């Protein structure tokens, strides 16, 4: 794969070509998977065996700064998602990018 951004349509095309499924079915399949992931992650924690763990954590309110104008502004508190890869995935990626 190249270093361009990997978009949802690219994943749909990849699924369609490599599985022989129709484009519309691949689109529906990916959409359903993403809904399941979003629903599961919104509960606060999702562990996918041999892939990794998604955790929801809270970021505190802080002061940010526009680097161009040096103007300060308030960044509100919010929730964010942290992904921790599984050991197998980390080892695999280490071998690829040695």
Foldseek 3Di string as FASTA:
>chain_A
DDPDDCDPLNQLVVCCVVVVDDSVVSNVVVVVVVVVVVVVCVVAKDADPQFWIKGKDKDQKDWDADPVVRDIDIDHIDIDIDTDTDPNVVVVVVVVPD
